[in-house]
Amino acid sequence: MRQITVRSIPEELLREIREHARREGVSMNQAVVRLLKRATGLEVAGDRKRRDLSRIAGTWTSEQAAEFDRVVEGFEALDEEMWR
């Protein structure tokens, strides 16, 4: 594999890369490679570890998610009288 050197990385970008690496539990190098793959559209599905509970809790279909959104829609309404 080839290597590249990147100079003059802005501090805010470096912070974001570090945070990404920490969040994903990977090295800075792995984080940069992942971010570059994603930015260029080369990230392969399944290339990343899943960090959710879908494996043990299941997932919803689009229809189930839409039904849930429809049912809880009323909870998003604000009672203007209460907030005066």
PDB file of N, CA and C in Angstrom:
ATOM      1  N   MET A   1       0.827  -1.187   0.000  1.00  0.00           N
ATOM      2  CA  MET A   1       0.000   0.000   0.000  1.00  0.00           C
ATOM      3  C   MET A   1       0.862   1.239   0.000  1.00  0.00           C
ATOM      4  N   ARG A   2       0.382   2.216  -0.680  1.00  0.00           N
ATOM      5  CA  ARG A   2       1.111   3.484  -0.738  1.00  0.00           C
ATOM      6  C   ARG A   2       0.785   4.363   0.457  1.00  0.00           C
ATOM      7  N   GLN A   3       1.638   5.316   0.694  1.00  0.00           N
ATOM      8  CA  GLN A   3       1.440   6.268   1.778  1.00  0.00           C
ATOM      9  C   GLN A   3       1.432   7.668   1.204  1.00  0.00           C
ATOM     10  N   ILE A   4       0.715   8.552   1.881  1.00  0.00           N
ATOM     11  CA  ILE A   4       0.746   9.965   1.501  1.00  0.00           C
ATOM     12  C   ILE A   4       0.974  10.786   2.761  1.00  0.00           C
ATOM     13  N   THR A   5       1.457  11.975   2.569  1.00  0.00           N
ATOM     14  CA  THR A   5       1.628  12.920   3.663  1.00  0.00           C
ATOM     15  C   THR A   5       0.725  14.102   3.398  1.00  0.00           C
ATOM     16  N   VAL A   6      -0.008  14.489   4.398  1.00  0.00           N
ATOM     17  CA  VAL A   6      -0.897  15.651   4.269  1.00  0.00           C
ATOM     18  C   VAL A   6      -0.404  16.709   5.236  1.00  0.00           C
ATOM     19  N   ARG A   7      -0.148  17.897   4.730  1.00  0.00           N
ATOM     20  CA  ARG A   7       0.371  18.983   5.556  1.00  0.00           C
ATOM     21  C   ARG A   7      -0.697  20.053   5.744  1.00  0.00           C
ATOM     22  N   SER A   8      -0.487  20.855   6.742  1.00  0.00           N
ATOM     23  CA  SER A   8      -1.323  22.030   7.029  1.00  0.00           C
ATOM     24  C   SER A   8      -2.788  21.668   7.262  1.00  0.00           C
ATOM     25  N   ILE A   9      -3.018  20.626   8.053  1.00  0.00           N
ATOM     26  CA  ILE A   9      -4.385  20.246   8.395  1.00  0.00           C
ATOM     27  C   ILE A   9      -4.898  21.248   9.425  1.00  0.00           C
ATOM     28  N   PRO A  10      -6.012  21.906   9.147  1.00  0.00           N
ATOM     29  CA  PRO A  10      -6.556  22.869  10.109  1.00  0.00           C
ATOM     30  C   PRO A  10      -6.911  22.181  11.431  1.00  0.00           C
ATOM     31  N   GLU A  11      -6.737  22.883  12.531  1.00  0.00           N
ATOM     32  CA  GLU A  11      -6.988  22.316  13.853  1.00  0.00           C
ATOM     33  C   GLU A  11      -8.402  21.764  13.985  1.00  0.00           C
ATOM     34  N   GLU A  12      -9.398  22.480  13.461  1.00  0.00           N
ATOM     35  CA  GLU A  12     -10.777  22.018  13.610  1.00  0.00           C
ATOM     36  C   GLU A  12     -11.006  20.702  12.854  1.00  0.00           C
ATOM     37  N   LEU A  13     -10.330  20.530  11.716  1.00  0.00           N
ATOM     38  CA  LEU A  13     -10.434  19.277  10.969  1.00  0.00           C
ATOM     39  C   LEU A  13      -9.739  18.150  11.729  1.00  0.00           C
ATOM     40  N   LEU A  14      -8.584  18.443  12.297  1.00  0.00           N
ATOM     41  CA  LEU A  14      -7.857  17.455  13.083  1.00  0.00           C
ATOM     42  C   LEU A  14      -8.684  16.997  14.286  1.00  0.00           C
ATOM     43  N   ARG A  15      -9.364  17.948  14.944  1.00  0.00           N
ATOM     44  CA  ARG A  15     -10.232  17.596  16.067  1.00  0.00           C
ATOM     45  C   ARG A  15     -11.349  16.654  15.626  1.00  0.00           C
ATOM     46  N   GLU A  16     -11.946  16.946  14.471  1.00  0.00           N
ATOM     47  CA  GLU A  16     -13.036  16.097  13.966  1.00  0.00           C
ATOM     48  C   GLU A  16     -12.547  14.694  13.628  1.00  0.00           C
ATOM     49  N   ILE A  17     -11.360  14.603  13.038  1.00  0.00           N
ATOM     50  CA  ILE A  17     -10.800  13.288  12.709  1.00  0.00           C
ATOM     51  C   ILE A  17     -10.514  12.508  13.992  1.00  0.00           C
ATOM     52  N   ARG A  18      -9.937  13.184  14.983  1.00  0.00           N
ATOM     53  CA  ARG A  18      -9.661  12.522  16.258  1.00  0.00           C
ATOM     54  C   ARG A  18     -10.955  12.030  16.910  1.00  0.00           C
ATOM     55  N   GLU A  19     -11.977  12.871  16.873  1.00  0.00           N
ATOM     56  CA  GLU A  19     -13.264  12.501  17.461  1.00  0.00           C
ATOM     57  C   GLU A  19     -13.866  11.308  16.722  1.00  0.00           C
ATOM     58  N   HIS A  20     -13.767  11.304  15.401  1.00  0.00           N
ATOM     59  CA  HIS A  20     -14.262  10.188  14.602  1.00  0.00           C
ATOM     60  C   HIS A  20     -13.523   8.898  14.989  1.00  0.00           C
ATOM     61  N   ALA A  21     -12.207   8.989  15.119  1.00  0.00           N
ATOM     62  CA  ALA A  21     -11.401   7.818  15.487  1.00  0.00           C
ATOM     63  C   ALA A  21     -11.798   7.320  16.875  1.00  0.00           C
ATOM     64  N   ARG A  22     -11.976   8.230  17.813  1.00  0.00           N
ATOM     65  CA  ARG A  22     -12.363   7.841  19.170  1.00  0.00           C
ATOM     66  C   ARG A  22     -13.740   7.178  19.167  1.00  0.00           C
ATOM     67  N   ARG A  23     -14.689   7.802  18.478  1.00  0.00           N
ATOM     68  CA  ARG A  23     -16.062   7.292  18.424  1.00  0.00           C
ATOM     69  C   ARG A  23     -16.127   5.900  17.790  1.00  0.00           C
ATOM     70  N   GLU A  24     -15.336   5.690  16.745  1.00  0.00           N
ATOM     71  CA  GLU A  24     -15.346   4.408  16.032  1.00  0.00           C
ATOM     72  C   GLU A  24     -14.401   3.382  16.650  1.00  0.00           C
ATOM     73  N   GLY A  25     -13.560   3.816  17.578  1.00  0.00           N
ATOM     74  CA  GLY A  25     -12.623   2.898  18.217  1.00  0.00           C
ATOM     75  C   GLY A  25     -11.526   2.433  17.280  1.00  0.00           C
ATOM     76  N   VAL A  26     -11.043   3.348  16.418  1.00  0.00           N
ATOM     77  CA  VAL A  26     -10.005   2.995  15.451  1.00  0.00           C
ATOM     78  C   VAL A  26      -8.848   3.991  15.560  1.00  0.00           C
ATOM     79  N   SER A  27      -7.757   3.679  14.883  1.00  0.00           N
ATOM     80  CA  SER A  27      -6.605   4.581  14.873  1.00  0.00           C
ATOM     81  C   SER A  27      -6.903   5.798  14.004  1.00  0.00           C
ATOM     82  N   MET A  28      -6.081   6.812  14.149  1.00  0.00           N
ATOM     83  CA  MET A  28      -6.228   8.018  13.312  1.00  0.00           C
ATOM     84  C   MET A  28      -6.088   7.640  11.840  1.00  0.00           C
ATOM     85  N   ASN A  29      -5.129   6.775  11.526  1.00  0.00           N
ATOM     86  CA  ASN A  29      -4.919   6.370  10.139  1.00  0.00           C
ATOM     87  C   ASN A  29      -6.169   5.682   9.588  1.00  0.00           C
ATOM     88  N   GLN A  30      -6.736   4.755  10.366  1.00  0.00           N
ATOM     89  CA  GLN A  30      -7.945   4.065   9.916  1.00  0.00           C
ATOM     90  C   GLN A  30      -9.098   5.048   9.744  1.00  0.00           C
ATOM     91  N   ALA A  31      -9.189   6.009  10.638  1.00  0.00           N
ATOM     92  CA  ALA A  31     -10.252   7.007  10.545  1.00  0.00           C
ATOM     93  C   ALA A  31     -10.110   7.826   9.267  1.00  0.00           C
ATOM     94  N   VAL A  32      -8.900   8.258   8.958  1.00  0.00           N
ATOM     95  CA  VAL A  32      -8.673   9.053   7.748  1.00  0.00           C
ATOM     96  C   VAL A  32      -9.003   8.238   6.497  1.00  0.00           C
ATOM     97  N   VAL A  33      -8.576   6.978   6.467  1.00  0.00           N
ATOM     98  CA  VAL A  33      -8.868   6.124   5.306  1.00  0.00           C
ATOM     99  C   VAL A  33     -10.378   5.947   5.151  1.00  0.00           C
ATOM    100  N   ARG A  34     -11.080   5.673   6.251  1.00  0.00           N
ATOM    101  CA  ARG A  34     -12.539   5.522   6.182  1.00  0.00           C
ATOM    102  C   ARG A  34     -13.216   6.793   5.678  1.00  0.00           C
ATOM    103  N   LEU A  35     -12.788   7.921   6.212  1.00  0.00           N
ATOM    104  CA  LEU A  35     -13.392   9.196   5.802  1.00  0.00           C
ATOM    105  C   LEU A  35     -13.121   9.494   4.327  1.00  0.00           C
ATOM    106  N   LEU A  36     -11.923   9.176   3.862  1.00  0.00           N
ATOM    107  CA  LEU A  36     -11.605   9.374   2.445  1.00  0.00           C
ATOM    108  C   LEU A  36     -12.433   8.441   1.564  1.00  0.00           C
ATOM    109  N   LYS A  37     -12.579   7.187   1.992  1.00  0.00           N
ATOM    110  CA  LYS A  37     -13.395   6.244   1.219  1.00  0.00           C
ATOM    111  C   LYS A  37     -14.845   6.718   1.140  1.00  0.00           C
ATOM    112  N   ARG A  38     -15.358   7.192   2.255  1.00  0.00           N
ATOM    113  CA  ARG A  38     -16.735   7.679   2.276  1.00  0.00           C
ATOM    114  C   ARG A  38     -16.879   8.917   1.387  1.00  0.00           C
ATOM    115  N   ALA A  39     -15.917   9.821   1.468  1.00  0.00           N
ATOM    116  CA  ALA A  39     -15.985  11.062   0.692  1.00  0.00           C
ATOM    117  C   ALA A  39     -15.886  10.815  -0.808  1.00  0.00           C
ATOM    118  N   THR A  40     -15.190   9.760  -1.194  1.00  0.00           N
ATOM    119  CA  THR A  40     -15.026   9.468  -2.617  1.00  0.00           C
ATOM    120  C   THR A  40     -16.021   8.443  -3.136  1.00  0.00           C
ATOM    121  N   GLY A  41     -16.900   7.954  -2.240  1.00  0.00           N
ATOM    122  CA  GLY A  41     -17.904   6.979  -2.655  1.00  0.00           C
ATOM    123  C   GLY A  41     -17.377   5.563  -2.768  1.00  0.00           C
ATOM    124  N   LEU A  42     -16.209   5.307  -2.208  1.00  0.00           N
ATOM    125  CA  LEU A  42     -15.610   3.973  -2.293  1.00  0.00           C
ATOM    126  C   LEU A  42     -15.902   3.089  -1.090  1.00  0.00           C
ATOM    127  N   GLU A  43     -16.593   3.624  -0.090  1.00  0.00           N
ATOM    128  CA  GLU A  43     -16.885   2.816   1.084  1.00  0.00           C
ATOM    129  C   GLU A  43     -17.810   1.682   0.686  1.00  0.00           C
ATOM    130  N   VAL A  44     -17.424   0.482   1.044  1.00  0.00           N
ATOM    131  CA  VAL A  44     -18.201  -0.709   0.708  1.00  0.00           C
ATOM    132  C   VAL A  44     -19.187  -0.983   1.834  1.00  0.00           C
ATOM    133  N   ALA A  45     -20.440  -1.293   1.476  1.00  0.00           N
ATOM    134  CA  ALA A  45     -21.437  -1.620   2.490  1.00  0.00           C
ATOM    135  C   ALA A  45     -20.934  -2.777   3.327  1.00  0.00           C
ATOM    136  N   GLY A  46     -21.105  -2.660   4.638  1.00  0.00           N
ATOM    137  CA  GLY A  46     -20.641  -3.716   5.533  1.00  0.00           C
ATOM    138  C   GLY A  46     -19.179  -3.575   5.902  1.00  0.00           C
ATOM    139  N   ASP A  47     -18.516  -2.562   5.354  1.00  0.00           N
ATOM    140  CA  ASP A  47     -17.108  -2.332   5.630  1.00  0.00           C
ATOM    141  C   ASP A  47     -16.905  -1.860   7.070  1.00  0.00           C
ATOM    142  N   ARG A  48     -17.943  -1.241   7.640  1.00  0.00           N
ATOM    143  CA  ARG A  48     -17.841  -0.702   8.980  1.00  0.00           C
ATOM    144  C   ARG A  48     -18.538  -1.613   9.976  1.00  0.00           C
ATOM    145  N   LYS A  49     -18.055  -1.605  11.202  1.00  0.00           N
ATOM    146  CA  LYS A  49     -18.742  -2.313  12.261  1.00  0.00           C
ATOM    147  C   LYS A  49     -20.025  -1.565  12.578  1.00  0.00           C
ATOM    148  N   ARG A  50     -21.093  -2.305  12.786  1.00  0.00           N
ATOM    149  CA  ARG A  50     -22.350  -1.678  13.191  1.00  0.00           C
ATOM    150  C   ARG A  50     -22.245  -1.319  14.659  1.00  0.00           C
ATOM    151  N   ARG A  51     -22.694  -0.151  14.988  1.00  0.00           N
ATOM    152  CA  ARG A  51     -22.655   0.302  16.375  1.00  0.00           C
ATOM    153  C   ARG A  51     -24.066   0.618  16.861  1.00  0.00           C
ATOM    154  N   ASP A  52     -24.998  -0.296  16.590  1.00  0.00           N
ATOM    155  CA  ASP A  52     -26.359  -0.109  17.054  1.00  0.00           C
ATOM    156  C   ASP A  52     -26.880  -1.423  17.626  1.00  0.00           C
ATOM    157  N   LEU A  53     -28.126  -1.433  18.020  1.00  0.00           N
ATOM    158  CA  LEU A  53     -28.689  -2.620  18.655  1.00  0.00           C
ATOM    159  C   LEU A  53     -29.546  -3.438  17.705  1.00  0.00           C
ATOM    160  N   SER A  54     -29.497  -3.170  16.413  1.00  0.00           N
ATOM    161  CA  SER A  54     -30.382  -3.847  15.470  1.00  0.00           C
ATOM    162  C   SER A  54     -30.191  -5.366  15.475  1.00  0.00           C
ATOM    163  N   ARG A  55     -28.994  -5.823  15.752  1.00  0.00           N
ATOM    164  CA  ARG A  55     -28.725  -7.255  15.760  1.00  0.00           C
ATOM    165  C   ARG A  55     -29.533  -7.963  16.843  1.00  0.00           C
ATOM    166  N   ILE A  56     -29.737  -7.296  17.989  1.00  0.00           N
ATOM    167  CA  ILE A  56     -30.470  -7.947  19.072  1.00  0.00           C
ATOM    168  C   ILE A  56     -31.884  -7.406  19.245  1.00  0.00           C
ATOM    169  N   ALA A  57     -32.147  -6.203  18.763  1.00  0.00           N
ATOM    170  CA  ALA A  57     -33.456  -5.606  18.982  1.00  0.00           C
ATOM    171  C   ALA A  57     -34.315  -5.600  17.724  1.00  0.00           C
ATOM    172  N   GLY A  58     -33.745  -5.884  16.581  1.00  0.00           N
ATOM    173  CA  GLY A  58     -34.514  -5.864  15.339  1.00  0.00           C
ATOM    174  C   GLY A  58     -34.577  -4.471  14.735  1.00  0.00           C
ATOM    175  N   THR A  59     -35.213  -4.386  13.604  1.00  0.00           N
ATOM    176  CA  THR A  59     -35.362  -3.107  12.922  1.00  0.00           C
ATOM    177  C   THR A  59     -36.788  -2.989  12.412  1.00  0.00           C
ATOM    178  N   TRP A  60     -37.176  -1.775  12.067  1.00  0.00           N
ATOM    179  CA  TRP A  60     -38.502  -1.530  11.512  1.00  0.00           C
ATOM    180  C   TRP A  60     -38.419  -1.435   9.999  1.00  0.00           C
ATOM    181  N   THR A  61     -39.490  -1.816   9.367  1.00  0.00           N
ATOM    182  CA  THR A  61     -39.603  -1.576   7.928  1.00  0.00           C
ATOM    183  C   THR A  61     -39.978  -0.105   7.748  1.00  0.00           C
ATOM    184  N   SER A  62     -39.911   0.385   6.531  1.00  0.00           N
ATOM    185  CA  SER A  62     -40.303   1.768   6.243  1.00  0.00           C
ATOM    186  C   SER A  62     -41.755   1.999   6.623  1.00  0.00           C
ATOM    187  N   GLU A  63     -42.599   1.004   6.360  1.00  0.00           N
ATOM    188  CA  GLU A  63     -44.015   1.123   6.669  1.00  0.00           C
ATOM    189  C   GLU A  63     -44.232   1.212   8.189  1.00  0.00           C
ATOM    190  N   GLN A  64     -43.519   0.395   8.945  1.00  0.00           N
ATOM    191  CA  GLN A  64     -43.647   0.428  10.400  1.00  0.00           C
ATOM    192  C   GLN A  64     -43.176   1.767  10.963  1.00  0.00           C
ATOM    193  N   ALA A  65     -42.084   2.284  10.430  1.00  0.00           N
ATOM    194  CA  ALA A  65     -41.577   3.576  10.890  1.00  0.00           C
ATOM    195  C   ALA A  65     -42.573   4.683  10.567  1.00  0.00           C
ATOM    196  N   ALA A  66     -43.170   4.647   9.381  1.00  0.00           N
ATOM    197  CA  ALA A  66     -44.162   5.652   8.988  1.00  0.00           C
ATOM    198  C   ALA A  66     -45.387   5.577   9.892  1.00  0.00           C
ATOM    199  N   GLU A  67     -45.828   4.369  10.214  1.00  0.00           N
ATOM    200  CA  GLU A  67     -46.977   4.186  11.108  1.00  0.00           C
ATOM    201  C   GLU A  67     -46.671   4.743  12.494  1.00  0.00           C
ATOM    202  N   PHE A  68     -45.480   4.463  13.001  1.00  0.00           N
ATOM    203  CA  PHE A  68     -45.076   4.998  14.301  1.00  0.00           C
ATOM    204  C   PHE A  68     -45.096   6.523  14.274  1.00  0.00           C
ATOM    205  N   ASP A  69     -44.516   7.114  13.236  1.00  0.00           N
ATOM    206  CA  ASP A  69     -44.499   8.572  13.104  1.00  0.00           C
ATOM    207  C   ASP A  69     -45.917   9.134  13.085  1.00  0.00           C
ATOM    208  N   ARG A  70     -46.821   8.441  12.390  1.00  0.00           N
ATOM    209  CA  ARG A  70     -48.204   8.903  12.303  1.00  0.00           C
ATOM    210  C   ARG A  70     -48.873   8.864  13.676  1.00  0.00           C
ATOM    211  N   VAL A  71     -48.641   7.791  14.421  1.00  0.00           N
ATOM    212  CA  VAL A  71     -49.280   7.611  15.719  1.00  0.00           C
ATOM    213  C   VAL A  71     -48.783   8.630  16.747  1.00  0.00           C
ATOM    214  N   VAL A  72     -47.498   8.943  16.744  1.00  0.00           N
ATOM    215  CA  VAL A  72     -46.948   9.857  17.753  1.00  0.00           C
ATOM    216  C   VAL A  72     -46.963  11.319  17.308  1.00  0.00           C
ATOM    217  N   GLU A  73     -47.512  11.574  16.153  1.00  0.00           N
ATOM    218  CA  GLU A  73     -47.546  12.944  15.620  1.00  0.00           C
ATOM    219  C   GLU A  73     -48.165  13.927  16.609  1.00  0.00           C
ATOM    220  N   GLY A  74     -49.215  13.514  17.287  1.00  0.00           N
ATOM    221  CA  GLY A  74     -49.896  14.392  18.246  1.00  0.00           C
ATOM    222  C   GLY A  74     -49.033  14.819  19.410  1.00  0.00           C
ATOM    223  N   PHE A  75     -48.034  14.036  19.759  1.00  0.00           N
ATOM    224  CA  PHE A  75     -47.157  14.380  20.871  1.00  0.00           C
ATOM    225  C   PHE A  75     -46.231  15.550  20.550  1.00  0.00           C
ATOM    226  N   GLU A  76     -46.110  15.888  19.298  1.00  0.00           N
ATOM    227  CA  GLU A  76     -45.222  16.974  18.902  1.00  0.00           C
ATOM    228  C   GLU A  76     -45.911  18.333  18.923  1.00  0.00           C
ATOM    229  N   ALA A  77     -47.225  18.338  19.082  1.00  0.00           N
ATOM    230  CA  ALA A  77     -47.980  19.592  19.113  1.00  0.00           C
ATOM    231  C   ALA A  77     -47.745  20.297  20.446  1.00  0.00           C
ATOM    232  N   LEU A  78     -47.547  21.608  20.390  1.00  0.00           N
ATOM    233  CA  LEU A  78     -47.345  22.395  21.605  1.00  0.00           C
ATOM    234  C   LEU A  78     -48.674  22.973  22.057  1.00  0.00           C
ATOM    235  N   ASP A  79     -48.878  22.972  23.366  1.00  0.00           N
ATOM    236  CA  ASP A  79     -50.046  23.606  23.954  1.00  0.00           C
ATOM    237  C   ASP A  79     -49.630  25.037  24.255  1.00  0.00           C
ATOM    238  N   GLU A  80     -50.003  25.963  23.380  1.00  0.00           N
ATOM    239  CA  GLU A  80     -49.578  27.355  23.509  1.00  0.00           C
ATOM    240  C   GLU A  80     -50.009  27.969  24.845  1.00  0.00           C
ATOM    241  N   GLU A  81     -51.179  27.570  25.318  1.00  0.00           N
ATOM    242  CA  GLU A  81     -51.691  28.102  26.594  1.00  0.00           C
ATOM    243  C   GLU A  81     -50.781  27.713  27.748  1.00  0.00           C
ATOM    244  N   MET A  82     -50.239  26.504  27.712  1.00  0.00           N
ATOM    245  CA  MET A  82     -49.387  26.017  28.770  1.00  0.00           C
ATOM    246  C   MET A  82     -48.055  26.783  28.833  1.00  0.00           C
ATOM    247  N   TRP A  83     -47.607  27.316  27.730  1.00  0.00           N
ATOM    248  CA  TRP A  83     -46.292  27.946  27.653  1.00  0.00           C
ATOM    249  C   TRP A  83     -46.342  29.461  27.770  1.00  0.00           C
ATOM    250  N   ARG A  84     -47.422  29.980  28.284  1.00  0.00           N
ATOM    251  CA  ARG A  84     -47.515  31.453  28.480  1.00  0.00           C
ATOM    252  C   ARG A  84     -47.040  31.844  29.839  1.00  0.00           C
TER     253      ARG A  84
END
